[in-house]
Protein backbone atom coordinates (compact mmCIF):
# COMPACT_ATOMS: atom_id res chain seq x y z
CA UNK A 1 91.16 -227.45 -72.36
CA UNK A 2 89.39 -227.87 -75.50
CA UNK A 3 90.04 -226.37 -78.79
CA UNK A 4 86.89 -224.14 -78.71
CA UNK A 5 87.97 -222.88 -75.31
CA UNK A 6 91.35 -222.03 -76.71
CA UNK A 7 89.95 -220.13 -79.57
CA UNK A 8 87.61 -218.06 -77.23
CA UNK A 9 90.70 -217.14 -74.88
CA UNK A 10 92.68 -216.10 -77.89
CA UNK A 11 89.90 -214.10 -79.36
CA UNK A 12 89.16 -212.32 -75.89
CA UNK A 13 92.77 -211.26 -75.94
CA UNK A 14 92.87 -210.27 -79.39
CA UNK A 15 89.92 -208.18 -78.76
CA UNK A 16 91.16 -206.28 -75.69
CA UNK A 17 94.88 -206.21 -76.88
CA UNK A 18 94.04 -203.54 -79.44
CA UNK A 19 92.44 -200.95 -77.17
CA UNK A 20 94.36 -198.15 -75.68
CA UNK A 21 94.32 -197.55 -71.85
CA UNK A 22 94.18 -193.99 -70.79
CA UNK A 23 97.36 -193.58 -68.71
CA UNK A 24 97.94 -189.63 -68.90
CA UNK A 25 101.13 -190.33 -70.89
CA UNK A 26 102.72 -192.60 -68.34
CA UNK A 27 103.75 -195.17 -71.07
CA UNK A 28 105.37 -192.53 -73.19
CA UNK A 29 107.14 -191.40 -70.23
CA UNK A 30 108.44 -194.86 -69.39
CA UNK A 31 109.43 -195.47 -73.07
CA UNK A 32 111.53 -192.38 -73.10
CA UNK A 33 113.25 -193.15 -69.79
CA UNK A 34 114.53 -196.58 -71.17
CA UNK A 35 118.11 -196.93 -72.22
CA UNK A 36 118.32 -195.77 -75.93
CA UNK A 37 120.42 -197.78 -78.55
CA UNK A 38 123.08 -195.30 -78.12
CA UNK A 39 123.42 -196.11 -74.47
CA UNK A 40 123.48 -199.77 -75.08
CA UNK A 41 126.29 -199.31 -77.72
CA UNK A 42 128.29 -197.11 -75.23
CA UNK A 43 127.85 -199.80 -72.50
CA UNK A 44 128.84 -202.54 -74.89
CA UNK A 45 131.97 -200.51 -75.92
CA UNK A 46 132.79 -199.93 -72.33
CA UNK A 47 132.80 -203.63 -71.65
CA UNK A 48 134.94 -204.41 -74.67
CA UNK A 49 137.43 -201.67 -73.56
CA UNK A 50 137.56 -203.10 -70.06
CA UNK A 51 138.36 -206.60 -71.47
CA UNK A 52 141.10 -205.16 -73.74
CA UNK A 53 142.66 -203.22 -71.01
CA UNK A 54 142.55 -206.28 -68.55
CA UNK A 55 144.24 -208.45 -71.16
CA UNK A 56 146.78 -205.79 -71.88
CA UNK A 57 147.64 -205.92 -68.00
CA UNK A 58 147.81 -209.62 -68.00
CA UNK A 59 150.18 -209.52 -71.04
CA UNK A 60 152.34 -206.87 -69.64
CA UNK A 61 152.48 -208.65 -66.28
CA UNK A 62 153.65 -211.89 -67.96
CA UNK A 63 156.14 -210.19 -70.38
CA UNK A 64 157.73 -208.09 -67.41
CA UNK A 65 158.15 -211.32 -65.47
CA UNK A 66 155.82 -210.19 -62.74
CA UNK A 67 155.87 -213.50 -60.97
CA UNK A 68 159.54 -213.06 -60.34
CA UNK A 69 159.04 -209.54 -59.07
CA UNK A 70 156.38 -210.60 -56.52
CA UNK A 71 158.67 -213.37 -55.53
CA UNK A 72 161.38 -211.07 -54.83
CA UNK A 73 159.11 -208.73 -52.96
CA UNK A 74 157.90 -211.59 -50.84
CA UNK A 75 161.42 -212.85 -50.15
CA UNK A 76 162.55 -209.46 -49.13
CA UNK A 77 159.50 -209.02 -46.68
CA UNK A 78 160.36 -212.24 -45.03
CA UNK A 79 163.95 -211.44 -44.49
CA UNK A 80 163.28 -208.00 -43.39
CA UNK A 81 160.69 -209.44 -40.92
CA UNK A 82 163.20 -211.98 -39.59
CA UNK A 83 166.02 -209.50 -39.29
CA UNK A 84 163.85 -207.08 -37.46
CA UNK A 85 162.75 -209.60 -34.86
CA UNK A 86 166.27 -210.67 -34.32
CA UNK A 87 167.23 -207.12 -33.41
CA UNK A 88 164.76 -206.78 -30.39
CA UNK A 89 166.54 -206.47 -27.23
CA UNK A 90 165.28 -208.76 -24.70
CA UNK A 91 167.88 -208.43 -22.13
CA UNK A 92 165.66 -206.68 -19.70
CA UNK A 93 162.92 -209.35 -19.83
CA UNK A 94 162.69 -211.67 -17.09
CA UNK A 95 160.95 -215.17 -17.13
CA UNK A 96 158.38 -213.98 -14.57
CA UNK A 97 157.32 -211.15 -16.96
CA UNK A 98 156.78 -213.56 -19.74
CA UNK A 99 154.78 -215.92 -17.77
CA UNK A 100 152.73 -213.05 -16.10
CA UNK A 101 152.03 -211.70 -19.62
CA UNK A 102 150.92 -215.06 -20.91
CA UNK A 103 148.58 -215.66 -18.00
CA UNK A 104 147.11 -212.16 -18.60
CA UNK A 105 146.35 -213.13 -22.26
CA UNK A 106 144.94 -216.40 -21.17
CA UNK A 107 142.74 -214.85 -18.53
CA UNK A 108 141.37 -212.05 -20.82
CA UNK A 109 140.63 -214.83 -23.44
CA UNK A 110 138.66 -216.81 -21.11
CA UNK A 111 136.71 -213.73 -19.95
CA UNK A 112 136.12 -212.85 -23.40
CA UNK A 113 134.73 -216.24 -24.35
CA UNK A 114 132.57 -216.43 -21.13
CA UNK A 115 131.06 -212.98 -21.58
CA UNK A 116 130.27 -213.23 -25.23
CA UNK A 117 126.80 -213.81 -26.52
CA UNK A 118 127.73 -216.84 -28.60
């Protein structure tokens, strides 16, 4: 584009940019519904407070040796799971019952695979 065309475009927009368009108060209602400065301030304050609380939680977790506590909980869980499986009474279970159960699981799995849509 030439310089002349650029000037014409700029003058065209300047001429029509100053005119008010009748919108029955729509623009005013939209401007009132936009978040106010007070809302933006409160939102920023909320984010800062959330960051401070998260930082405090991390500091307290580290100061209270939270990793050791989690390690202890995990170890207790593993020990409890192992000891509870050892206490299951399998004296009344025969080898035939185990084989039939496994074959039933395999049959159901194959049936589900064959009848699925994928």
